Every structure is written in C-alpha cells, then in structure tokens.
Amino acid sequence: MTRIEEEELDLRRRRNMEVNFKPKLVEASMKIHLQDEKTRINPDALKLMTEVMRLIVTEGAMRAADQAKQEDSDLVELHHMEKIMAQFLLDI
C-alpha cells in the first residue's frame, strides 16, 4: 500500500469514528466552573461546546493511535497519550 493510500484509509477511519457526548454531561462539566449557580447556558453554546469536546477527544485519540502505530503497538496505552499530550495542548 502506498503512503497516499494509507493516508486516505486513515482519513476514512477518522471520519467513521463516532464520539458523542450527552449535552447534560457537557452542561454539568461547564457548570462546575461557573461561579454563579444560577447561570444558564444557552442551547447554542451547549451545542458548540459539545462539538468542541467531540473534536478534542477525537483528535487526541487519533494522535495517540498514530503514536502507538509508530511504536508497532496494536493497543493504545496511557504512555502513548502522554507522549502526544504536550504538542496536542499547544496545538489546541
């Protein structure tokens, strides 16, 4: 398989990955950081934050999987995530 074919296959795999968060979970995690308990979260803001969380988790998982692949590992482990984390945080 050529490098281009591998990249296309990888892209197709990334698109097929389904990561979803329940809006209630996102809302609860946002409210932890709010100072006023009475603050309400706009439904559009909740949708946006849900999508942002989905993108961050998906990208982190894919980078960790790429790291595992570079190390000839079939299993993504914590140390793979640790290796990609510094650059990942800088990128986001």
N, C-alpha and C. Protein backbone atom coordinates (compact mmCIF):
# COMPACT_ATOMS: atom_id res chain seq x y z
N MET A 1 0.85 -1.18 0.00
CA MET A 1 0.00 0.00 0.00
C MET A 1 0.89 1.24 0.00
N THR A 2 0.59 2.17 -0.86
CA THR A 2 1.40 3.40 -0.94
C THR A 2 1.06 4.32 0.23
N ARG A 3 1.91 5.29 0.43
CA ARG A 3 1.70 6.26 1.52
C ARG A 3 0.39 7.03 1.32
N ILE A 4 0.09 7.39 0.10
CA ILE A 4 -1.15 8.13 -0.18
C ILE A 4 -2.36 7.27 0.13
N GLU A 5 -2.29 6.00 -0.25
CA GLU A 5 -3.41 5.09 0.05
C GLU A 5 -3.58 4.91 1.55
N GLU A 6 -2.46 4.83 2.28
CA GLU A 6 -2.53 4.71 3.74
C GLU A 6 -3.17 5.96 4.35
N GLU A 7 -2.79 7.13 3.86
CA GLU A 7 -3.36 8.38 4.38
C GLU A 7 -4.86 8.48 4.08
N GLU A 8 -5.26 8.04 2.90
CA GLU A 8 -6.68 8.05 2.56
C GLU A 8 -7.47 7.09 3.44
N LEU A 9 -6.90 5.91 3.69
CA LEU A 9 -7.55 4.94 4.57
C LEU A 9 -7.66 5.50 5.98
N ASP A 10 -6.59 6.14 6.45
CA ASP A 10 -6.59 6.73 7.78
C ASP A 10 -7.66 7.82 7.88
N LEU A 11 -7.78 8.64 6.85
CA LEU A 11 -8.78 9.69 6.83
C LEU A 11 -10.19 9.10 6.88
N ARG A 12 -10.42 8.02 6.12
CA ARG A 12 -11.73 7.37 6.14
C ARG A 12 -12.03 6.81 7.53
N ARG A 13 -11.03 6.24 8.18
CA ARG A 13 -11.23 5.70 9.54
C ARG A 13 -11.58 6.83 10.51
N ARG A 14 -10.90 7.96 10.37
CA ARG A 14 -11.18 9.10 11.27
C ARG A 14 -12.61 9.60 11.09
N ARG A 15 -13.08 9.64 9.86
CA ARG A 15 -14.44 10.11 9.61
C ARG A 15 -15.48 9.16 10.16
N ASN A 16 -15.17 7.87 10.19
CA ASN A 16 -16.12 6.87 10.65
C ASN A 16 -16.16 6.73 12.17
N MET A 17 -15.19 7.35 12.84
CA MET A 17 -15.17 7.28 14.30
C MET A 17 -16.30 8.11 14.87
N GLU A 18 -17.08 7.51 15.71
CA GLU A 18 -18.19 8.22 16.32
C GLU A 18 -17.88 8.50 17.79
N VAL A 19 -17.78 9.74 18.14
CA VAL A 19 -17.62 10.16 19.52
C VAL A 19 -18.75 11.13 19.79
N ASN A 20 -19.54 10.83 20.79
CA ASN A 20 -20.65 11.70 21.13
C ASN A 20 -20.70 11.92 22.63
N PHE A 21 -21.06 13.10 23.02
CA PHE A 21 -21.26 13.43 24.42
C PHE A 21 -22.71 13.82 24.61
N LYS A 22 -23.27 13.39 25.70
CA LYS A 22 -24.63 13.81 26.02
C LYS A 22 -24.58 15.28 26.46
N PRO A 23 -25.50 16.08 25.94
CA PRO A 23 -25.50 17.51 26.32
C PRO A 23 -25.55 17.73 27.83
N LYS A 24 -26.24 16.87 28.56
CA LYS A 24 -26.32 17.02 30.02
C LYS A 24 -24.94 16.88 30.66
N LEU A 25 -24.11 15.98 30.13
CA LEU A 25 -22.76 15.81 30.64
C LEU A 25 -21.92 17.06 30.39
N VAL A 26 -22.03 17.60 29.18
CA VAL A 26 -21.28 18.81 28.84
C VAL A 26 -21.74 19.98 29.71
N GLU A 27 -23.04 20.10 29.87
CA GLU A 27 -23.59 21.17 30.70
C GLU A 27 -23.11 21.04 32.15
N ALA A 28 -23.12 19.83 32.67
CA ALA A 28 -22.66 19.61 34.05
C ALA A 28 -21.19 19.96 34.19
N SER A 29 -20.37 19.57 33.21
CA SER A 29 -18.95 19.89 33.30
C SER A 29 -18.70 21.39 33.18
N MET A 30 -19.53 22.08 32.40
CA MET A 30 -19.39 23.54 32.29
C MET A 30 -19.80 24.23 33.59
N LYS A 31 -20.86 23.74 34.21
CA LYS A 31 -21.37 24.39 35.43
C LYS A 31 -20.41 24.25 36.60
N ILE A 32 -19.55 23.25 36.56
CA ILE A 32 -18.56 23.09 37.63
C ILE A 32 -17.69 24.34 37.72
N HIS A 33 -17.44 24.98 36.58
CA HIS A 33 -16.53 26.11 36.53
C HIS A 33 -17.22 27.47 36.59
N LEU A 34 -18.53 27.47 36.70
CA LEU A 34 -19.26 28.73 36.80
C LEU A 34 -19.32 29.16 38.26
N GLN A 35 -19.19 30.46 38.49
CA GLN A 35 -19.20 30.96 39.86
C GLN A 35 -20.62 31.13 40.38
N ASP A 36 -21.53 31.51 39.53
CA ASP A 36 -22.91 31.71 39.95
C ASP A 36 -23.75 30.49 39.55
N GLU A 37 -24.31 29.81 40.52
CA GLU A 37 -25.10 28.60 40.26
C GLU A 37 -26.35 28.88 39.42
N LYS A 38 -26.78 30.12 39.40
CA LYS A 38 -27.99 30.47 38.67
C LYS A 38 -27.74 30.72 37.18
N THR A 39 -26.48 30.72 36.77
CA THR A 39 -26.15 30.97 35.37
C THR A 39 -26.73 29.87 34.49
N ARG A 40 -27.40 30.31 33.44
CA ARG A 40 -27.96 29.35 32.48
C ARG A 40 -27.06 29.32 31.24
N ILE A 41 -27.06 28.18 30.59
CA ILE A 41 -26.24 28.01 29.40
C ILE A 41 -27.15 27.97 28.18
N ASN A 42 -26.90 28.87 27.25
CA ASN A 42 -27.66 28.96 26.01
C ASN A 42 -27.57 27.64 25.25
N PRO A 43 -28.68 27.15 24.67
CA PRO A 43 -28.64 25.89 23.92
C PRO A 43 -27.62 25.88 22.78
N ASP A 44 -27.43 27.02 22.11
CA ASP A 44 -26.43 27.10 21.04
C ASP A 44 -25.02 26.98 21.59
N ALA A 45 -24.78 27.59 22.75
CA ALA A 45 -23.46 27.48 23.38
C ALA A 45 -23.21 26.03 23.81
N LEU A 46 -24.23 25.37 24.28
CA LEU A 46 -24.10 23.97 24.68
C LEU A 46 -23.79 23.09 23.47
N LYS A 47 -24.45 23.35 22.36
CA LYS A 47 -24.16 22.60 21.12
C LYS A 47 -22.71 22.82 20.69
N LEU A 48 -22.26 24.05 20.75
CA LEU A 48 -20.90 24.39 20.35
C LEU A 48 -19.88 23.69 21.25
N MET A 49 -20.08 23.75 22.55
CA MET A 49 -19.15 23.12 23.49
C MET A 49 -19.15 21.61 23.33
N THR A 50 -20.30 21.03 23.02
CA THR A 50 -20.38 19.59 22.79
C THR A 50 -19.54 19.22 21.57
N GLU A 51 -19.63 20.01 20.52
CA GLU A 51 -18.84 19.75 19.31
C GLU A 51 -17.36 19.96 19.57
N VAL A 52 -17.00 20.98 20.32
CA VAL A 52 -15.59 21.22 20.64
C VAL A 52 -15.02 20.05 21.42
N MET A 53 -15.77 19.57 22.40
CA MET A 53 -15.31 18.41 23.18
C MET A 53 -15.15 17.18 22.30
N ARG A 54 -16.08 16.98 21.38
CA ARG A 54 -16.01 15.83 20.48
C ARG A 54 -14.74 15.90 19.62
N LEU A 55 -14.46 17.09 19.10
CA LEU A 55 -13.28 17.26 18.26
C LEU A 55 -11.98 17.05 19.04
N ILE A 56 -11.92 17.55 20.25
CA ILE A 56 -10.72 17.41 21.07
C ILE A 56 -10.48 15.94 21.41
N VAL A 57 -11.51 15.25 21.82
CA VAL A 57 -11.35 13.83 22.17
C VAL A 57 -10.98 13.00 20.95
N THR A 58 -11.61 13.26 19.82
CA THR A 58 -11.31 12.51 18.60
C THR A 58 -9.87 12.74 18.17
N GLU A 59 -9.44 13.98 18.15
CA GLU A 59 -8.08 14.30 17.73
C GLU A 59 -7.05 13.68 18.68
N GLY A 60 -7.30 13.76 19.97
CA GLY A 60 -6.38 13.16 20.94
C GLY A 60 -6.29 11.65 20.77
N ALA A 61 -7.42 11.02 20.55
CA ALA A 61 -7.43 9.56 20.35
C ALA A 61 -6.68 9.18 19.08
N MET A 62 -6.87 9.95 18.02
CA MET A 62 -6.19 9.63 16.76
C MET A 62 -4.68 9.85 16.87
N ARG A 63 -4.28 10.90 17.56
CA ARG A 63 -2.84 11.13 17.73
C ARG A 63 -2.21 10.03 18.57
N ALA A 64 -2.91 9.60 19.60
CA ALA A 64 -2.39 8.51 20.44
C ALA A 64 -2.32 7.21 19.64
N ALA A 65 -3.31 6.98 18.78
CA ALA A 65 -3.30 5.78 17.92
C ALA A 65 -2.13 5.85 16.94
N ASP A 66 -1.88 7.02 16.39
CA ASP A 66 -0.74 7.19 15.48
C ASP A 66 0.58 6.92 16.21
N GLN A 67 0.67 7.39 17.45
CA GLN A 67 1.87 7.16 18.25
C GLN A 67 2.06 5.67 18.50
N ALA A 68 0.98 4.99 18.84
CA ALA A 68 1.06 3.55 19.07
C ALA A 68 1.50 2.82 17.80
N LYS A 69 0.97 3.25 16.67
CA LYS A 69 1.33 2.64 15.38
C LYS A 69 2.81 2.84 15.09
N GLN A 70 3.33 4.02 15.39
CA GLN A 70 4.75 4.30 15.17
C GLN A 70 5.63 3.39 16.02
N GLU A 71 5.08 2.97 17.16
CA GLU A 71 5.84 2.10 18.07
C GLU A 71 5.50 0.63 17.83
N ASP A 72 4.84 0.34 16.71
CA ASP A 72 4.45 -1.03 16.36
C ASP A 72 3.59 -1.69 17.43
N SER A 73 2.71 -0.92 18.01
CA SER A 73 1.80 -1.45 19.02
C SER A 73 0.38 -1.50 18.45
N ASP A 74 -0.33 -2.57 18.74
CA ASP A 74 -1.72 -2.70 18.30
C ASP A 74 -2.69 -2.13 19.32
N LEU A 75 -2.18 -1.75 20.46
CA LEU A 75 -3.01 -1.27 21.55
C LEU A 75 -2.56 0.13 21.98
N VAL A 76 -3.49 1.05 22.07
CA VAL A 76 -3.17 2.40 22.56
C VAL A 76 -3.19 2.36 24.08
N GLU A 77 -2.10 2.77 24.66
CA GLU A 77 -1.98 2.76 26.12
C GLU A 77 -1.75 4.18 26.63
N LEU A 78 -1.78 4.32 27.93
CA LEU A 78 -1.63 5.63 28.56
C LEU A 78 -0.34 6.33 28.14
N HIS A 79 0.75 5.60 28.05
CA HIS A 79 2.02 6.25 27.70
C HIS A 79 2.00 6.82 26.28
N HIS A 80 1.16 6.28 25.39
CA HIS A 80 1.02 6.86 24.06
C HIS A 80 0.35 8.24 24.17
N MET A 81 -0.66 8.31 25.00
CA MET A 81 -1.36 9.58 25.21
C MET A 81 -0.41 10.59 25.87
N GLU A 82 0.38 10.12 26.81
CA GLU A 82 1.32 11.01 27.48
C GLU A 82 2.34 11.59 26.50
N LYS A 83 2.77 10.79 25.55
CA LYS A 83 3.76 11.25 24.58
C LYS A 83 3.22 12.33 23.64
N ILE A 84 1.94 12.26 23.32
CA ILE A 84 1.39 13.24 22.37
C ILE A 84 0.82 14.47 23.08
N MET A 85 0.63 14.39 24.39
CA MET A 85 -0.12 15.42 25.11
C MET A 85 0.49 16.82 25.03
N ALA A 86 1.79 16.96 25.18
CA ALA A 86 2.40 18.29 25.19
C ALA A 86 2.14 19.03 23.87
N GLN A 87 2.42 18.39 22.76
CA GLN A 87 2.20 19.03 21.46
C GLN A 87 0.71 19.23 21.22
N PHE A 88 -0.10 18.28 21.63
CA PHE A 88 -1.55 18.39 21.45
C PHE A 88 -2.09 19.62 22.16
N LEU A 89 -1.67 19.84 23.39
CA LEU A 89 -2.14 21.00 24.14
C LEU A 89 -1.68 22.30 23.51
N LEU A 90 -0.49 22.31 22.94
CA LEU A 90 -0.01 23.50 22.24
C LEU A 90 -0.83 23.75 20.98
N ASP A 91 -1.23 22.69 20.31
CA ASP A 91 -1.98 22.82 19.06
C ASP A 91 -3.41 23.31 19.26
N ILE A 92 -4.00 22.94 20.38
CA ILE A 92 -5.38 23.39 20.60
C ILE A 92 -5.36 24.71 21.33
